[in-house]
Amino acid sequence: MPLRDLLVIAGAVPDALLFESVTIGRQPSAVVLETGIEPTVRDWPRPDRQFLFYALDIPDFRAGLKKWFALHTRVSPALQYLAESINEDKYSHARLLSVASTLETYHRSLYDAAWRRTYKRKNPNKKTRGPFLLERITHLQRISGVPEGITGFSEARRQLFVASRNHFAHLNEPRYGYSIDQDVYDNAIPSIARGVALVHACVMRRLGFTARQTKERIELIHGHLVISARGPRRRLGIGATATLGLTDQLVSGVYPELPRRRGSLPDRRVEGRQMDSRCLQERDR
């Protein structure tokens, strides 16, 4: 259901509707179709656990809701799958695929025709084609108005995201020079987080938030993804690495285990819900 999906995506935590009200005017009855998901009791987040935005933050609440329902219809069912993956409350291969599908469907539903026209204008002698996933994500990153230094989606990390998606979907060797174990699996969690940050930026702009408002909220919620002012270190040789600290928005208690092709990820424990003092080594080769 669209409203539940909005609450889940904006909160980035599992949630469900506990009360539903149907306005039927003068009609004596109404039929409500539900998915059958049972609401579960959960603790409310701590006061310092920020949501992406609150109802009062939306510039025009009534217009914003109308835009959301229209967006939900056009991008369906990608937003439902994304909300369901968040409600599963775990990080997995399926969640990365869900985020990738959401970004791909979002772009195809809203910007595919414009992208094809631009491609044809810039390449008059080539046959018109649709954009690849990497080109879709790059386009969304550009038009979101949020710098890639805030979403963490630099060129190298977009390539890593696509390489991870292709491996999990087709079980093939990653492209762009990345390895399965040391790149795709070891960076699956931050890859998911970067994809979600871009989804958040796109949704906020669609609801009427300005580029500045969106940038401020993304930086507040996804600040752990920020790339340093010097930019990511990439393609500096085999040993070039960058570090990324993970906050409790990504992990709580134990890092999820993503089964590898050989073996599994080690059990990395963190202290409470504070920022992880260890850094996940990321190869931006």
Protein backbone atom coordinates (compact mmCIF):
# COMPACT_ATOMS: atom_id res chain seq x y z
CA MET A 1 0.00 0.00 0.00
CA PRO A 2 1.41 3.42 -0.95
CA LEU A 3 1.13 5.10 2.46
CA ARG A 4 2.87 2.30 4.31
CA ASP A 5 5.63 2.24 1.70
CA LEU A 6 6.16 5.98 2.19
CA LEU A 7 6.46 5.55 5.97
CA VAL A 8 8.92 2.67 5.60
CA ILE A 9 11.10 4.40 3.01
CA ALA A 10 11.13 7.75 4.85
CA GLY A 11 11.88 6.07 8.17
CA ALA A 12 14.28 3.49 6.74
CA VAL A 13 13.07 1.14 9.48
CA PRO A 14 10.47 -1.67 9.49
CA ASP A 15 6.98 -0.34 10.03
CA ALA A 16 3.32 -1.11 9.43
CA LEU A 17 0.01 0.71 9.56
CA LEU A 18 -1.79 0.25 12.87
CA PHE A 19 -4.89 2.24 11.95
CA GLU A 20 -6.62 2.84 8.65
CA SER A 21 -9.39 5.32 7.93
CA VAL A 22 -11.36 5.24 4.68
CA THR A 23 -13.30 8.28 3.49
CA ILE A 24 -16.31 7.10 1.49
CA GLY A 25 -18.47 10.22 1.42
CA ARG A 26 -22.15 9.33 1.37
CA GLN A 27 -21.61 5.71 0.41
CA PRO A 28 -22.80 3.22 3.05
CA SER A 29 -19.73 0.98 2.82
CA ALA A 30 -16.31 0.59 1.30
CA VAL A 31 -14.08 -2.33 0.37
CA VAL A 32 -10.47 -2.18 1.57
CA LEU A 33 -7.97 -4.58 0.03
CA GLU A 34 -4.97 -5.38 2.22
CA THR A 35 -1.79 -7.36 1.66
CA GLY A 36 -2.23 -9.41 4.81
CA ILE A 37 0.88 -8.07 6.55
CA GLU A 38 0.38 -8.16 10.30
CA PRO A 39 1.69 -5.11 12.20
CA THR A 40 4.35 -6.05 14.72
CA VAL A 41 5.19 -4.26 17.93
CA ARG A 42 8.52 -2.47 17.87
CA ASP A 43 10.32 0.11 19.94
CA TRP A 44 10.27 3.65 18.62
CA PRO A 45 13.68 4.91 17.58
CA ARG A 46 15.79 6.91 19.99
CA PRO A 47 15.26 10.70 19.97
CA ASP A 48 18.56 11.16 18.13
CA ARG A 49 17.61 8.64 15.44
CA GLN A 50 16.48 10.93 12.63
CA PHE A 51 13.98 10.04 9.94
CA LEU A 52 14.59 11.15 6.39
CA PHE A 53 11.82 13.71 6.79
CA TYR A 54 8.65 14.29 8.78
CA ALA A 55 5.16 15.22 7.59
CA LEU A 56 5.63 18.87 8.60
CA ASP A 57 8.86 19.02 6.58
CA ILE A 58 7.09 18.45 3.26
CA PRO A 59 6.83 21.90 1.59
CA ASP A 60 3.20 21.34 0.54
CA PHE A 61 1.80 18.37 2.45
CA ARG A 62 -1.36 17.90 0.39
CA ALA A 63 0.43 18.29 -2.92
CA GLY A 64 3.29 16.12 -1.66
CA LEU A 65 0.97 13.21 -0.87
CA LYS A 66 -0.67 13.50 -4.27
CA LYS A 67 2.77 13.43 -5.89
CA TRP A 68 3.71 10.37 -3.84
CA PHE A 69 0.63 8.40 -4.85
CA ALA A 70 1.22 9.35 -8.50
CA LEU A 71 4.89 8.36 -8.21
CA HIS A 72 4.00 5.09 -6.48
CA THR A 73 1.66 4.21 -9.35
CA ARG A 74 4.21 5.01 -12.06
CA VAL A 75 7.15 3.24 -10.41
CA SER A 76 5.08 0.29 -9.22
CA PRO A 77 5.98 -2.31 -8.08
CA ALA A 78 9.58 -1.25 -7.45
CA LEU A 79 8.77 0.95 -4.43
CA GLN A 80 6.71 -1.85 -2.86
CA TYR A 81 9.63 -4.27 -3.20
CA LEU A 82 12.00 -1.73 -1.68
CA ALA A 83 9.69 -1.19 1.30
CA GLU A 84 9.30 -4.94 1.74
CA SER A 85 13.07 -5.41 1.73
CA ILE A 86 13.37 -2.77 4.49
CA ASN A 87 10.60 -4.50 6.45
CA GLU A 88 12.60 -7.72 6.35
CA ASP A 89 15.08 -5.85 8.55
CA LYS A 90 18.20 -7.47 7.16
CA TYR A 91 20.85 -6.80 4.57
CA SER A 92 21.09 -9.46 1.90
CA HIS A 93 21.75 -10.05 -1.78
CA ALA A 94 18.02 -9.61 -2.38
CA ARG A 95 18.06 -6.17 -0.77
CA LEU A 96 20.82 -4.93 -3.06
CA LEU A 97 18.89 -6.28 -6.05
CA SER A 98 15.75 -4.55 -4.78
CA VAL A 99 17.54 -1.19 -4.50
CA ALA A 100 19.02 -1.63 -7.97
CA SER A 101 15.60 -2.52 -9.41
CA THR A 102 14.05 0.52 -7.76
CA LEU A 103 16.62 2.87 -9.27
CA GLU A 104 16.31 1.23 -12.69
CA THR A 105 12.50 1.28 -12.69
CA TYR A 106 12.41 4.84 -11.32
CA HIS A 107 14.57 6.10 -14.17
CA ARG A 108 12.85 4.03 -16.85
CA SER A 109 9.40 5.22 -15.76
CA LEU A 110 10.24 8.92 -15.50
CA TYR A 111 13.26 9.74 -17.64
CA ASP A 112 13.76 7.00 -20.23
CA ALA A 113 12.18 8.90 -23.13
CA ALA A 114 14.13 12.08 -22.40
CA TRP A 115 17.38 10.12 -22.10
CA ARG A 116 16.79 8.45 -25.49
CA ARG A 117 16.12 11.82 -27.16
CA THR A 118 19.30 13.27 -25.71
CA TYR A 119 21.30 10.22 -26.80
CA LYS A 120 19.93 10.47 -30.35
CA ARG A 121 20.74 14.19 -30.51
CA LYS A 122 24.31 13.64 -29.33
CA ASN A 123 24.83 10.48 -31.43
CA PRO A 124 22.96 11.13 -34.73
CA ASN A 125 24.87 8.41 -36.58
CA LYS A 126 24.21 5.69 -34.01
CA LYS A 127 21.17 3.55 -33.49
CA THR A 128 19.03 4.79 -30.61
CA ARG A 129 19.25 2.55 -27.57
CA GLY A 130 18.09 2.54 -23.99
CA PRO A 131 20.43 3.42 -21.13
CA PHE A 132 22.37 0.78 -19.22
CA LEU A 133 21.96 0.58 -15.45
CA LEU A 134 25.20 2.50 -14.86
CA GLU A 135 24.00 5.29 -17.15
CA ARG A 136 20.61 5.39 -15.40
CA ILE A 137 22.20 5.71 -11.97
CA THR A 138 24.64 8.35 -13.21
CA HIS A 139 21.74 10.36 -14.65
CA LEU A 140 19.71 10.10 -11.44
CA GLN A 141 22.74 11.16 -9.41
CA ARG A 142 23.17 14.23 -11.60
CA ILE A 143 19.54 15.40 -11.63
CA SER A 144 18.97 14.71 -7.93
CA GLY A 145 20.75 17.94 -7.05
CA VAL A 146 22.70 16.17 -4.29
CA PRO A 147 26.47 16.00 -4.84
CA GLU A 148 27.94 12.53 -5.20
CA GLY A 149 30.18 13.38 -2.27
CA ILE A 150 27.04 13.29 -0.09
CA THR A 151 25.39 10.13 -1.44
CA GLY A 152 28.79 8.42 -1.65
CA PHE A 153 28.02 7.45 -5.24
CA SER A 154 31.24 8.44 -6.98
CA GLU A 155 31.94 7.04 -10.43
CA ALA A 156 33.98 4.17 -9.01
CA ARG A 157 31.32 3.31 -6.43
CA ARG A 158 28.55 3.42 -9.02
CA GLN A 159 30.58 0.93 -11.04
CA LEU A 160 31.00 -1.23 -7.93
CA PHE A 161 27.24 -1.10 -7.29
CA VAL A 162 26.47 -2.21 -10.85
CA ALA A 163 29.15 -4.92 -10.73
CA SER A 164 27.62 -6.21 -7.48
CA ARG A 165 24.12 -6.17 -8.90
CA ASN A 166 25.22 -8.06 -12.01
CA HIS A 167 27.04 -10.68 -9.95
CA PHE A 168 24.15 -11.28 -7.54
CA ALA A 169 21.63 -11.38 -10.41
CA HIS A 170 23.59 -13.45 -12.92
CA LEU A 171 26.44 -14.98 -10.85
CA ASN A 172 28.97 -13.76 -13.38
CA GLU A 173 32.37 -12.23 -12.83
CA PRO A 174 32.20 -8.54 -11.79
CA ARG A 175 33.06 -5.94 -14.40
CA TYR A 176 35.23 -2.82 -14.08
CA GLY A 177 38.12 -4.77 -12.56
CA TYR A 178 36.41 -5.66 -9.26
CA SER A 179 36.79 -9.01 -7.54
CA ILE A 180 34.02 -11.11 -6.05
CA ASP A 181 35.32 -11.59 -2.52
CA GLN A 182 37.37 -8.49 -1.77
CA ASP A 183 35.11 -5.99 -3.55
CA VAL A 184 31.56 -7.21 -4.16
CA TYR A 185 30.95 -9.13 -0.93
CA ASP A 186 33.04 -7.04 1.44
CA ASN A 187 31.31 -3.87 0.22
CA ALA A 188 27.77 -5.16 -0.17
CA ILE A 189 26.41 -3.28 2.86
CA PRO A 190 27.78 0.18 1.97
CA SER A 191 26.77 -0.42 -1.66
CA ILE A 192 23.19 -0.93 -0.49
CA ALA A 193 23.39 2.20 1.66
CA ARG A 194 24.61 4.34 -1.25
CA GLY A 195 21.79 3.08 -3.43
CA VAL A 196 19.22 3.87 -0.72
CA ALA A 197 20.70 7.37 -0.31
CA LEU A 198 20.12 8.03 -4.01
CA VAL A 199 16.57 6.65 -3.80
CA HIS A 200 15.94 8.98 -0.85
CA ALA A 201 17.27 11.96 -2.80
CA CYS A 202 15.08 11.16 -5.82
CA VAL A 203 11.94 10.69 -3.71
CA MET A 204 12.48 13.93 -1.79
CA ARG A 205 12.92 15.97 -4.97
CA ARG A 206 9.77 14.39 -6.38
CA LEU A 207 7.80 15.37 -3.26
CA GLY A 208 8.72 19.02 -3.67
CA PHE A 209 11.87 19.43 -1.57
CA THR A 210 14.47 21.80 -2.98
CA ALA A 211 17.96 20.61 -3.88
CA ARG A 212 19.34 22.38 -0.81
CA GLN A 213 16.77 20.83 1.54
CA THR A 214 17.38 17.41 0.07
CA LYS A 215 21.15 17.78 0.35
CA GLU A 216 20.89 18.78 4.02
CA ARG A 217 18.65 15.83 4.93
CA ILE A 218 20.69 13.29 2.97
CA GLU A 219 23.86 14.57 4.60
CA LEU A 220 22.25 14.31 8.04
CA ILE A 221 20.88 10.79 7.54
CA HIS A 222 23.60 9.34 5.34
CA GLY A 223 26.56 11.32 6.64
CA HIS A 224 28.56 8.11 7.06
CA LEU A 225 28.70 7.86 3.26
CA VAL A 226 30.27 11.27 2.71
CA ILE A 227 33.36 11.24 0.53
CA SER A 228 36.23 13.37 1.76
CA ALA A 229 36.90 16.70 0.06
CA ARG A 230 39.90 15.14 -1.65
CA GLY A 231 37.59 12.65 -3.30
CA PRO A 232 37.76 8.86 -3.28
CA ARG A 233 41.09 7.25 -3.99
CA ARG A 234 40.57 5.13 -7.04
CA ARG A 235 42.61 3.49 -9.77
CA LEU A 236 45.88 4.24 -8.00
CA GLY A 237 47.11 0.69 -8.29
CA ILE A 238 46.29 -2.67 -6.78
CA GLY A 239 46.84 -1.52 -3.21
CA ALA A 240 44.76 1.67 -3.35
CA THR A 241 42.05 1.64 -0.68
CA ALA A 242 39.49 3.92 0.90
CA THR A 243 37.75 3.55 4.26
CA LEU A 244 34.13 3.87 5.24
CA GLY A 245 32.78 4.02 8.79
CA LEU A 246 29.41 2.36 9.37
CA THR A 247 26.82 3.79 11.75
CA ASP A 248 23.91 2.17 13.54
CA GLN A 249 21.78 3.03 10.50
CA LEU A 250 23.55 0.15 8.79
CA VAL A 251 24.22 -2.30 11.59
CA SER A 252 22.88 -3.13 15.03
CA GLY A 253 24.66 -5.76 17.08
CA VAL A 254 26.04 -7.93 14.30
CA TYR A 255 26.88 -7.34 10.67
CA PRO A 256 24.60 -9.43 8.50
CA GLU A 257 26.12 -12.48 6.91
CA LEU A 258 26.06 -12.47 3.13
CA PRO A 259 26.90 -16.02 2.02
CA ARG A 260 29.87 -16.00 -0.27
CA ARG A 261 30.52 -18.25 -3.18
CA ARG A 262 33.11 -19.82 -0.89
CA GLY A 263 32.54 -19.59 2.85
CA SER A 264 30.81 -16.63 4.48
CA LEU A 265 31.53 -13.20 5.87
CA PRO A 266 33.12 -13.16 9.33
CA ASP A 267 30.98 -12.30 12.32
CA ARG A 268 31.93 -8.66 13.00
CA ARG A 269 30.44 -7.40 16.27
CA VAL A 270 29.99 -3.78 17.23
CA GLU A 271 29.61 -2.11 20.59
CA GLY A 272 25.98 -1.11 21.20
CA ARG A 273 24.54 1.21 18.58
CA GLN A 274 27.45 3.63 18.38
CA MET A 275 29.52 4.34 15.32
CA ASP A 276 31.63 1.35 14.43
CA SER A 277 35.22 2.12 15.32
CA ARG A 278 36.41 -0.26 12.68
CA CYS A 279 36.34 0.79 9.08
CA LEU A 280 35.30 -1.39 6.22
CA GLN A 281 38.13 -1.48 3.71
CA GLU A 282 36.89 -0.61 0.27
CA ARG A 283 38.89 -1.07 -2.87
CA ASP A 284 38.10 1.67 -5.31
CA ARG A 285 40.42 0.28 -7.90
